[in-house]
C-alpha cells in the first residue's frame, strides 16, 4: 500500500482513538432490518438511494467504518467488500460479522488508493466514509476506476449549506441562519477542536468533478428529516434541518 498522505494518516489516528464510541451505534445499525441514512436515520423507503434489486451486485464500500452498510447489502444478496482507513474500526466490523453471521471481505486501506483491480464493481457506496474523510479529487477518480461501465456511485455527506453555517467550535452551538464562511473555495476543513481532516465542496464543483471522471449524475437528494426525527448530533437542530438541507446524497452512473 502506498504511504498514507498527511490527511489520511491523521484521520487514521483520529478514528482509531474514538472507535470505541461507535460500537453501540454500529450494533444498532447492524440490527436494523431496513437501511436508514444520515444523522436523522431516514428510512431507505423514504429516500430511495439503493437500486431496487442489489442481489448479485459486486459492491465496494469506501470508508466502511463498522461496515453496517455492507451488512445491509450482503443480507440483500449483494457481494460487498469494505475498505476503511482505521484498524480499530475494522476490528469492530469483524466482531459484528461474527456476532451476526454475515461475512464479507474487509480491507485496511485508504479509499483514495484501493488495492483492487480496475472495473471490479457494479456499485460503489459511501455514507460519511470516503464521502467526507477522503479528498474528493482523489477518491472520485478511484471510484471511477473501480466501477464497471454502467456501474453506480452513491454517497452521502454534509451539504455545503451546513458547512457554511456551522460554527468552528462545538461549544459555540449548532448551525445558525448566518453564513460564517465562504461557499466558494470549500475543500479541506480542519476544525480547531478536532484532529481529523474533512473535505466538503460546493455543488458546482461536485458536478464538474463527477462529469470529468466519466459519471452521469442521476440525482441529488437533499435529505430532510421528518417533523419528529431525532439525532444524537449537536451541530444541527431539527428546526434547521427542516428548513435547509444539512445532508445530501448523490447518485451517479459511470458512462459505458
Protein backbone atom coordinates (compact mmCIF):
# COMPACT_ATOMS: atom_id res chain seq x y z
CA UNK A 1 0.00 0.00 0.00
CA UNK A 2 1.24 3.50 -0.80
CA UNK A 3 2.37 5.67 2.09
CA UNK A 4 -0.61 7.48 3.53
CA UNK A 5 -0.94 11.17 2.73
CA UNK A 6 -0.99 13.54 5.70
CA UNK A 7 -4.79 13.83 5.94
CA UNK A 8 -5.29 10.05 5.76
CA UNK A 9 -2.62 9.44 8.40
CA UNK A 10 -4.24 11.99 10.70
CA UNK A 11 -7.71 10.55 10.11
CA UNK A 12 -6.47 7.03 10.87
CA UNK A 13 -5.20 8.16 14.27
CA UNK A 14 -8.36 10.19 14.87
CA UNK A 15 -10.74 7.29 14.16
CA UNK A 16 -8.64 4.70 15.94
CA UNK A 17 -8.71 6.85 19.08
CA UNK A 18 -12.51 7.09 19.16
CA UNK A 19 -13.52 3.76 17.61
CA UNK A 20 -14.98 2.52 20.89
CA UNK A 21 -17.51 5.37 20.80
CA UNK A 22 -19.05 3.89 17.62
CA UNK A 23 -19.58 0.31 18.80
CA UNK A 24 -23.08 0.89 20.19
CA UNK A 25 -24.22 2.76 17.10
CA UNK A 26 -22.68 0.17 14.85
CA UNK A 27 -24.52 -2.65 16.58
CA UNK A 28 -27.80 -0.71 16.32
CA UNK A 29 -27.29 -0.33 12.57
CA UNK A 30 -26.31 -3.97 12.07
CA UNK A 31 -29.56 -4.86 13.86
CA UNK A 32 -31.66 -2.65 11.57
CA UNK A 33 -33.91 -4.52 9.15
CA UNK A 34 -34.12 -1.55 6.81
CA UNK A 35 -31.28 0.73 5.77
CA UNK A 36 -31.50 4.18 7.35
CA UNK A 37 -29.48 7.14 6.16
CA UNK A 38 -27.72 10.11 7.68
CA UNK A 39 -27.72 11.54 11.17
CA UNK A 40 -31.53 11.58 11.26
CA UNK A 41 -31.73 7.88 10.25
CA UNK A 42 -34.20 8.45 7.42
CA UNK A 43 -35.51 5.09 6.11
CA UNK A 44 -34.48 3.84 2.70
CA UNK A 45 -38.18 3.56 1.82
CA UNK A 46 -38.36 7.37 2.02
CA UNK A 47 -35.01 8.18 0.41
CA UNK A 48 -34.69 5.60 -2.38
CA UNK A 49 -30.90 5.53 -2.58
CA UNK A 50 -30.30 1.89 -3.42
CA UNK A 51 -31.10 0.04 -6.63
CA UNK A 52 -34.36 -1.88 -6.39
CA UNK A 53 -32.51 -5.21 -6.56
CA UNK A 54 -28.91 -5.49 -5.36
CA UNK A 55 -28.70 -9.29 -5.48
CA UNK A 56 -25.59 -10.45 -7.27
CA UNK A 57 -24.00 -6.98 -7.41
CA UNK A 58 -20.33 -6.60 -6.59
CA UNK A 59 -20.12 -3.63 -4.20
CA UNK A 60 -17.25 -1.64 -2.72
CA UNK A 61 -17.99 0.41 0.41
CA UNK A 62 -15.47 3.23 0.56
CA UNK A 63 -14.73 4.13 4.17
CA UNK A 64 -16.91 1.39 5.66
CA UNK A 65 -16.30 2.08 9.37
CA UNK A 66 -18.20 -0.61 11.27
CA UNK A 67 -19.47 -1.87 7.87
CA UNK A 68 -23.19 -1.69 8.59
CA UNK A 69 -23.95 -0.51 5.02
CA UNK A 70 -22.11 -3.54 3.63
CA UNK A 71 -24.06 -5.75 6.04
CA UNK A 72 -27.37 -4.41 4.72
CA UNK A 73 -26.28 -5.10 1.16
CA UNK A 74 -24.90 -8.57 1.94
CA UNK A 75 -28.19 -9.61 3.52
CA UNK A 76 -29.94 -8.50 0.32
CA UNK A 77 -27.81 -10.74 -1.85
CA UNK A 78 -25.00 -8.36 -2.86
CA UNK A 79 -21.30 -9.23 -2.66
CA UNK A 80 -19.75 -6.32 -0.74
CA UNK A 81 -16.15 -5.51 0.06
CA UNK A 82 -15.46 -2.92 2.73
CA UNK A 83 -12.34 -0.79 2.91
CA UNK A 84 -11.51 1.52 5.80
CA UNK A 85 -8.52 3.54 6.93
CA UNK A 86 -8.92 2.68 10.64
CA UNK A 87 -7.69 -0.68 12.00
CA UNK A 88 -9.78 -0.17 15.14
CA UNK A 89 -12.98 0.42 13.17
CA UNK A 90 -12.32 -2.73 11.14
CA UNK A 91 -11.79 -4.69 14.34
CA UNK A 92 -15.30 -3.63 15.40
CA UNK A 93 -16.66 -4.59 11.98
CA UNK A 94 -15.09 -8.06 12.17
CA UNK A 95 -16.61 -8.53 15.60
CA UNK A 96 -20.05 -7.72 14.20
CA UNK A 97 -19.52 -10.15 11.33
CA UNK A 98 -19.02 -12.95 13.84
CA UNK A 99 -21.85 -11.76 16.07
CA UNK A 100 -24.40 -11.54 13.24
CA UNK A 101 -23.06 -14.31 11.00
CA UNK A 102 -22.63 -12.07 7.95
CA UNK A 103 -19.23 -12.44 6.28
CA UNK A 104 -17.62 -10.36 3.53
CA UNK A 105 -14.06 -9.13 2.86
CA UNK A 106 -12.72 -6.18 4.85
CA UNK A 107 -9.58 -4.34 3.74
CA UNK A 108 -7.40 -1.90 5.66
CA UNK A 109 -6.56 0.94 3.33
CA UNK A 110 -7.13 4.43 2.01
CA UNK A 111 -10.19 4.81 -0.25
CA UNK A 112 -8.12 7.12 -2.46
CA UNK A 113 -5.84 4.20 -3.47
CA UNK A 114 -7.75 0.91 -3.26
CA UNK A 115 -5.58 -2.21 -3.81
CA UNK A 116 -8.05 -3.89 -6.17
CA UNK A 117 -8.21 -4.21 -9.99
CA UNK A 118 -9.93 -1.84 -12.40
CA UNK A 119 -13.61 -2.47 -13.23
CA UNK A 120 -14.19 -4.82 -10.27
CA UNK A 121 -17.54 -3.50 -9.05
CA UNK A 122 -21.11 -2.70 -10.05
CA UNK A 123 -21.73 -0.28 -7.16
CA UNK A 124 -19.53 1.99 -5.05
CA UNK A 125 -21.13 3.45 -1.93
CA UNK A 126 -20.10 5.67 0.95
CA UNK A 127 -22.09 7.08 3.85
CA UNK A 128 -19.93 9.57 5.79
CA UNK A 129 -16.86 7.49 4.95
CA UNK A 130 -14.76 8.49 1.98
CA UNK A 131 -17.62 10.88 1.22
CA UNK A 132 -16.25 13.38 3.76
CA UNK A 133 -12.99 11.88 5.12
CA UNK A 134 -11.14 11.44 1.81
CA UNK A 135 -10.16 14.07 -0.73
CA UNK A 136 -12.86 14.07 -3.43
CA UNK A 137 -10.26 14.93 -6.07
CA UNK A 138 -8.61 11.60 -5.23
CA UNK A 139 -11.40 9.26 -4.25
CA UNK A 140 -13.85 10.09 -7.05
CA UNK A 141 -11.31 9.13 -9.77
CA UNK A 142 -10.58 5.97 -7.75
CA UNK A 143 -14.29 5.09 -7.57
CA UNK A 144 -14.50 5.57 -11.34
CA UNK A 145 -11.53 3.24 -11.82
CA UNK A 146 -13.09 0.55 -9.65
CA UNK A 147 -16.51 0.62 -11.35
CA UNK A 148 -17.51 -1.26 -14.46
CA UNK A 149 -19.17 0.66 -17.31
CA UNK A 150 -22.72 1.40 -16.19
CA UNK A 151 -21.76 0.97 -12.53
CA UNK A 152 -23.39 3.17 -9.91
CA UNK A 153 -21.87 5.56 -7.39
CA UNK A 154 -23.87 6.55 -4.29
CA UNK A 155 -22.51 8.72 -1.50
CA UNK A 156 -23.87 10.73 1.43
CA UNK A 157 -22.26 13.61 3.27
CA UNK A 158 -22.87 17.10 4.53
CA UNK A 159 -24.46 19.77 2.38
CA UNK A 160 -22.38 22.88 1.68
CA UNK A 161 -25.29 24.79 3.26
CA UNK A 162 -24.44 23.38 6.69
CA UNK A 163 -20.72 23.78 6.14
CA UNK A 164 -21.21 27.49 5.55
CA UNK A 165 -23.31 27.92 8.69
CA UNK A 166 -21.85 25.69 11.41
CA UNK A 167 -19.53 27.37 13.97
CA UNK A 168 -15.86 26.45 14.22
CA UNK A 169 -16.22 25.06 17.74
CA UNK A 170 -18.85 22.62 19.02
CA UNK A 171 -19.02 24.68 22.20
CA UNK A 172 -20.35 27.59 20.13
CA UNK A 173 -23.54 25.64 19.47
CA UNK A 174 -25.27 24.29 16.36
CA UNK A 175 -25.56 25.86 12.92
CA UNK A 176 -27.41 29.15 12.76
CA UNK A 177 -29.07 31.06 9.92
CA UNK A 178 -25.87 33.11 9.38
CA UNK A 179 -23.20 32.41 6.77
CA UNK A 180 -19.98 32.00 8.73
CA UNK A 181 -17.55 31.08 5.95
CA UNK A 182 -17.31 31.38 2.16
CA UNK A 183 -19.04 28.95 -0.15
CA UNK A 184 -16.51 29.47 -2.93
CA UNK A 185 -13.24 27.66 -2.35
CA UNK A 186 -14.59 25.00 0.01
CA UNK A 187 -12.39 21.92 0.13
CA UNK A 188 -10.33 20.96 3.18
CA UNK A 189 -11.74 21.54 6.68
CA UNK A 190 -9.63 21.35 9.84
CA UNK A 191 -11.67 22.18 12.94
CA UNK A 192 -9.96 23.77 15.97
CA UNK A 193 -11.38 21.14 18.35
CA UNK A 194 -10.75 18.07 16.15
CA UNK A 195 -7.66 16.19 14.99
CA UNK A 196 -9.43 14.91 11.89
CA UNK A 197 -9.46 16.36 8.38
CA UNK A 198 -12.74 16.62 6.44
CA UNK A 199 -13.46 17.50 2.82
CA UNK A 200 -16.51 19.36 1.50
CA UNK A 201 -17.01 21.07 -1.85
CA UNK A 202 -19.82 23.04 -3.47
CA UNK A 203 -22.48 21.69 -5.80
CA UNK A 204 -20.91 23.09 -8.94
CA UNK A 205 -17.56 21.56 -8.01
CA UNK A 206 -19.22 18.18 -7.41
CA UNK A 207 -20.94 18.30 -10.79
CA UNK A 208 -17.75 19.16 -12.65
CA UNK A 209 -15.72 16.55 -10.75
CA UNK A 210 -18.19 13.75 -11.36
CA UNK A 211 -18.59 14.54 -15.05
CA UNK A 212 -14.81 14.88 -15.54
CA UNK A 213 -14.43 11.33 -14.22
CA UNK A 214 -16.96 9.77 -16.55
CA UNK A 215 -20.11 9.94 -14.42
CA UNK A 216 -23.61 10.96 -15.41
CA UNK A 217 -25.45 12.43 -12.43
CA UNK A 218 -28.80 10.74 -11.83
CA UNK A 219 -29.95 12.56 -8.70
CA UNK A 220 -29.02 14.88 -5.88
CA UNK A 221 -31.19 14.08 -2.88
CA UNK A 222 -31.21 16.74 -0.18
CA UNK A 223 -32.19 14.85 2.96
CA UNK A 224 -34.97 16.36 5.03
CA UNK A 225 -35.84 14.72 8.35
CA UNK A 226 -39.43 14.22 9.40
CA UNK A 227 -41.07 16.55 11.94
CA UNK A 228 -40.50 14.10 14.80
CA UNK A 229 -36.97 12.98 13.87
CA UNK A 230 -34.22 12.92 16.49
CA UNK A 231 -30.44 12.78 16.36
CA UNK A 232 -27.58 12.49 18.82
CA UNK A 233 -25.52 15.05 16.89
CA UNK A 234 -25.45 18.56 18.29
CA UNK A 235 -24.13 20.55 15.31
CA UNK A 236 -27.60 20.96 13.79
CA UNK A 237 -31.13 21.26 15.17
CA UNK A 238 -34.23 19.65 13.74
CA UNK A 239 -35.69 23.08 13.02
CA UNK A 240 -32.60 23.99 10.95
CA UNK A 241 -32.58 20.69 9.05
CA UNK A 242 -36.28 21.04 8.26
CA UNK A 243 -35.61 24.45 6.65
CA UNK A 244 -32.30 23.82 4.87
CA UNK A 245 -30.50 20.62 3.84
CA UNK A 246 -27.82 19.57 6.30
CA UNK A 247 -27.11 16.36 4.37
CA UNK A 248 -27.11 15.35 0.74
CA UNK A 249 -26.88 12.14 -1.27
CA UNK A 250 -25.51 11.93 -4.79
CA UNK A 251 -26.43 9.19 -7.26
CA UNK A 252 -24.36 8.82 -10.42
CA UNK A 253 -23.67 6.21 -13.07
CA UNK A 254 -20.40 5.56 -14.89
CA UNK A 255 -20.77 6.08 -18.61
CA UNK A 256 -20.44 2.93 -20.69
